[in-house]
Amino acid sequence: MTIRMFVDDVSGVGLWPDLAWDYPGSPFEDLFDDELENTLPISRELRDSIRAWVDEYTDSFETPMGVAWHVEHDRRGLRLSQQLRAELDSSAFRVRYLADTQTVRRELRGGS
C-alpha cells in the first residue's frame, strides 16, 4: 500500500491512502475507517508529530507565514515521512512524500 504524505489547504489531513487498496475485503480495509495516522501501526509520538505538522499548516492560512516558514515546514514534513517509512513494515507499506515548496522539490531532485 502506498501512503502519500502531503498537506492541502483545508482538509486537515496529512496522510492519504492509495485508493486502489480501498475496497471491501482488502487487507488494508480497516485503515479507511478513521484518519490514516490513527490506524497505522506507528508510535504515538510520530502520530502526534504528524497531526501537529498538519495543524500548523492549516493554521498558517489564518496567520500568514513567510516563505522561510513554509520551506522549513516542508522540510519537517519530509523528515516526518522518513520517520513514518522507518516505523512501517516496508513489505506492506510504501511512503511517498509530496513536497509543498519548490525549494524542497529541488532538494529532493538533488539540486540545491
C-alpha atoms as a PDB file:
ATOM      1  CA  MET A   1       0.000   0.000   0.000  1.00  0.00           C
ATOM      2  CA  THR A   2       1.306   3.420  -0.913  1.00  0.00           C
ATOM      3  CA  ILE A   3       0.712   6.208   1.579  1.00  0.00           C
ATOM      4  CA  ARG A   4       1.033   9.687   0.169  1.00  0.00           C
ATOM      5  CA  MET A   5       2.037  12.351   2.685  1.00  0.00           C
ATOM      6  CA  PHE A   6       1.225  15.977   1.948  1.00  0.00           C
ATOM      7  CA  VAL A   7      -0.796  18.898   3.251  1.00  0.00           C
ATOM      8  CA  ASP A   8      -3.524  20.699   1.391  1.00  0.00           C
ATOM      9  CA  ASP A   9      -5.326  23.930   2.065  1.00  0.00           C
ATOM     10  CA  VAL A  10      -8.276  22.964   4.205  1.00  0.00           C
ATOM     11  CA  SER A  11      -8.714  19.230   4.736  1.00  0.00           C
ATOM     12  CA  GLY A  12      -6.673  18.918   7.921  1.00  0.00           C
ATOM     13  CA  VAL A  13      -5.330  15.634   6.547  1.00  0.00           C
ATOM     14  CA  GLY A  14      -1.664  14.744   6.018  1.00  0.00           C
ATOM     15  CA  LEU A  15      -1.692  11.047   5.135  1.00  0.00           C
ATOM     16  CA  TRP A  16      -3.586   9.859   2.094  1.00  0.00           C
ATOM     17  CA  PRO A  17      -4.096   6.214   1.127  1.00  0.00           C
ATOM     18  CA  ASP A  18      -3.605   4.808  -2.322  1.00  0.00           C
ATOM     19  CA  LEU A  19      -7.255   4.398  -3.243  1.00  0.00           C
ATOM     20  CA  ALA A  20      -6.526   1.296  -5.284  1.00  0.00           C
ATOM     21  CA  TRP A  21      -6.440  -0.553  -1.937  1.00  0.00           C
ATOM     22  CA  ASP A  22      -9.726   0.907  -0.680  1.00  0.00           C
ATOM     23  CA  TYR A  23     -12.168  -1.902  -1.390  1.00  0.00           C
ATOM     24  CA  PRO A  24     -14.186  -4.353   0.716  1.00  0.00           C
ATOM     25  CA  GLY A  25     -12.086  -7.379   1.562  1.00  0.00           C
ATOM     26  CA  SER A  26      -8.800  -5.532   1.005  1.00  0.00           C
ATOM     27  CA  PRO A  27      -6.095  -6.461   3.512  1.00  0.00           C
ATOM     28  CA  PHE A  28      -5.994  -2.718   4.285  1.00  0.00           C
ATOM     29  CA  GLU A  29      -9.756  -2.205   4.521  1.00  0.00           C
ATOM     30  CA  ASP A  30      -9.657  -1.356   8.252  1.00  0.00           C
ATOM     31  CA  LEU A  31      -7.253   1.543   7.596  1.00  0.00           C
ATOM     32  CA  PHE A  32     -10.050   3.531   5.965  1.00  0.00           C
ATOM     33  CA  ASP A  33     -12.355   3.659   8.987  1.00  0.00           C
ATOM     34  CA  ASP A  34     -10.590   6.671  10.513  1.00  0.00           C
ATOM     35  CA  GLU A  35      -7.896   9.188   9.620  1.00  0.00           C
ATOM     36  CA  LEU A  36      -4.964   7.165   8.388  1.00  0.00           C
ATOM     37  CA  GLU A  37      -2.488   8.297  11.045  1.00  0.00           C
ATOM     38  CA  ASN A  38      -4.874   6.985  13.713  1.00  0.00           C
ATOM     39  CA  THR A  39      -4.996   3.479  12.264  1.00  0.00           C
ATOM     40  CA  LEU A  40      -1.414   2.864  11.130  1.00  0.00           C
ATOM     41  CA  PRO A  41       0.877   0.829  13.401  1.00  0.00           C
ATOM     42  CA  ILE A  42       3.099   3.781  14.374  1.00  0.00           C
ATOM     43  CA  SER A  43       4.227   5.323  17.646  1.00  0.00           C
ATOM     44  CA  ARG A  44       2.062   7.858  19.444  1.00  0.00           C
ATOM     45  CA  GLU A  45       4.936  10.348  19.234  1.00  0.00           C
ATOM     46  CA  LEU A  46       5.063  10.128  15.439  1.00  0.00           C
ATOM     47  CA  ARG A  47       1.259  10.241  15.185  1.00  0.00           C
ATOM     48  CA  ASP A  48       1.177  13.394  17.329  1.00  0.00           C
ATOM     49  CA  SER A  49       4.014  14.968  15.331  1.00  0.00           C
ATOM     50  CA  ILE A  50       2.214  14.358  12.036  1.00  0.00           C
ATOM     51  CA  ARG A  51      -1.014  15.783  13.456  1.00  0.00           C
ATOM     52  CA  ALA A  52       0.825  18.894  14.752  1.00  0.00           C
ATOM     53  CA  TRP A  53       2.541  19.332  11.366  1.00  0.00           C
ATOM     54  CA  VAL A  54      -0.834  19.274   9.588  1.00  0.00           C
ATOM     55  CA  ASP A  55      -2.470  21.586  12.133  1.00  0.00           C
ATOM     56  CA  GLU A  56       0.359  24.135  11.839  1.00  0.00           C
ATOM     57  CA  TYR A  57      -0.104  24.213   8.087  1.00  0.00           C
ATOM     58  CA  THR A  58      -3.861  24.695   8.414  1.00  0.00           C
ATOM     59  CA  ASP A  59      -3.312  27.475  10.969  1.00  0.00           C
ATOM     60  CA  SER A  60      -0.908  29.222   8.581  1.00  0.00           C
ATOM     61  CA  PHE A  61      -3.884  30.241   6.451  1.00  0.00           C
ATOM     62  CA  GLU A  62      -5.302  32.307   9.307  1.00  0.00           C
ATOM     63  CA  THR A  63      -1.947  33.800  10.259  1.00  0.00           C
ATOM     64  CA  PRO A  64       0.113  34.065   7.065  1.00  0.00           C
ATOM     65  CA  MET A  65       3.685  32.879   7.436  1.00  0.00           C
ATOM     66  CA  GLY A  66       6.635  33.817   5.287  1.00  0.00           C
ATOM     67  CA  VAL A  67       8.332  31.760   2.617  1.00  0.00           C
ATOM     68  CA  ALA A  68      11.080  30.637   5.036  1.00  0.00           C
ATOM     69  CA  TRP A  69       8.471  29.185   7.409  1.00  0.00           C
ATOM     70  CA  HIS A  70       6.830  27.216   4.586  1.00  0.00           C
ATOM     71  CA  VAL A  71      10.162  25.812   3.418  1.00  0.00           C
ATOM     72  CA  GLU A  72      11.109  24.715   6.937  1.00  0.00           C
ATOM     73  CA  HIS A  73       7.625  23.251   7.464  1.00  0.00           C
ATOM     74  CA  ASP A  74       8.036  21.317   4.215  1.00  0.00           C
ATOM     75  CA  ARG A  75      11.457  20.031   5.303  1.00  0.00           C
ATOM     76  CA  ARG A  76       9.941  18.922   8.591  1.00  0.00           C
ATOM     77  CA  GLY A  77       7.252  17.053   6.667  1.00  0.00           C
ATOM     78  CA  LEU A  78       9.944  15.289   4.678  1.00  0.00           C
ATOM     79  CA  ARG A  79      11.705  14.243   7.898  1.00  0.00           C
ATOM     80  CA  LEU A  80       8.385  13.018   9.322  1.00  0.00           C
ATOM     81  CA  SER A  81       7.770  10.979   6.158  1.00  0.00           C
ATOM     82  CA  GLN A  82      11.187   9.371   6.622  1.00  0.00           C
ATOM     83  CA  GLN A  83      10.300   8.518  10.228  1.00  0.00           C
ATOM     84  CA  LEU A  84       6.975   7.096   9.033  1.00  0.00           C
ATOM     85  CA  ARG A  85       8.772   4.953   6.461  1.00  0.00           C
ATOM     86  CA  ALA A  86      11.141   3.682   9.165  1.00  0.00           C
ATOM     87  CA  GLU A  87       8.305   2.726  11.539  1.00  0.00           C
ATOM     88  CA  LEU A  88       6.133   0.934   8.981  1.00  0.00           C
ATOM     89  CA  ASP A  89       6.665  -2.553   7.622  1.00  0.00           C
ATOM     90  CA  SER A  90       8.324  -1.883   4.271  1.00  0.00           C
ATOM     91  CA  SER A  91       6.906  -5.082   2.793  1.00  0.00           C
ATOM     92  CA  ALA A  92       3.353  -3.794   3.321  1.00  0.00           C
ATOM     93  CA  PHE A  93       3.695  -0.007   3.082  1.00  0.00           C
ATOM     94  CA  ARG A  94       5.421   2.481   0.813  1.00  0.00           C
ATOM     95  CA  VAL A  95       5.560   6.148   1.861  1.00  0.00           C
ATOM     96  CA  ARG A  96       5.675   8.869  -0.781  1.00  0.00           C
ATOM     97  CA  TYR A  97       6.209  12.479   0.304  1.00  0.00           C
ATOM     98  CA  LEU A  98       4.824  15.207  -1.960  1.00  0.00           C
ATOM     99  CA  ALA A  99       6.724  18.430  -1.279  1.00  0.00           C
ATOM    100  CA  ASP A 100       4.763  21.656  -0.940  1.00  0.00           C
ATOM    101  CA  THR A 101       7.500  24.120  -1.903  1.00  0.00           C
ATOM    102  CA  GLN A 102       9.723  24.465  -4.964  1.00  0.00           C
ATOM    103  CA  THR A 103      12.766  24.615  -2.678  1.00  0.00           C
ATOM    104  CA  VAL A 104      12.149  21.170  -1.209  1.00  0.00           C
ATOM    105  CA  ARG A 105      11.176  19.753  -4.613  1.00  0.00           C
ATOM    106  CA  ARG A 106      14.577  20.864  -5.938  1.00  0.00           C
ATOM    107  CA  GLU A 107      16.300  19.395  -2.868  1.00  0.00           C
ATOM    108  CA  LEU A 108      14.559  16.060  -3.454  1.00  0.00           C
ATOM    109  CA  ARG A 109      15.753  16.055  -7.069  1.00  0.00           C
ATOM    110  CA  GLY A 110      19.290  16.626  -5.819  1.00  0.00           C
ATOM    111  CA  GLY A 111      19.692  20.251  -6.834  1.00  0.00           C
ATOM    112  CA  SER A 112      20.113  22.891  -4.146  1.00  0.00           C
END
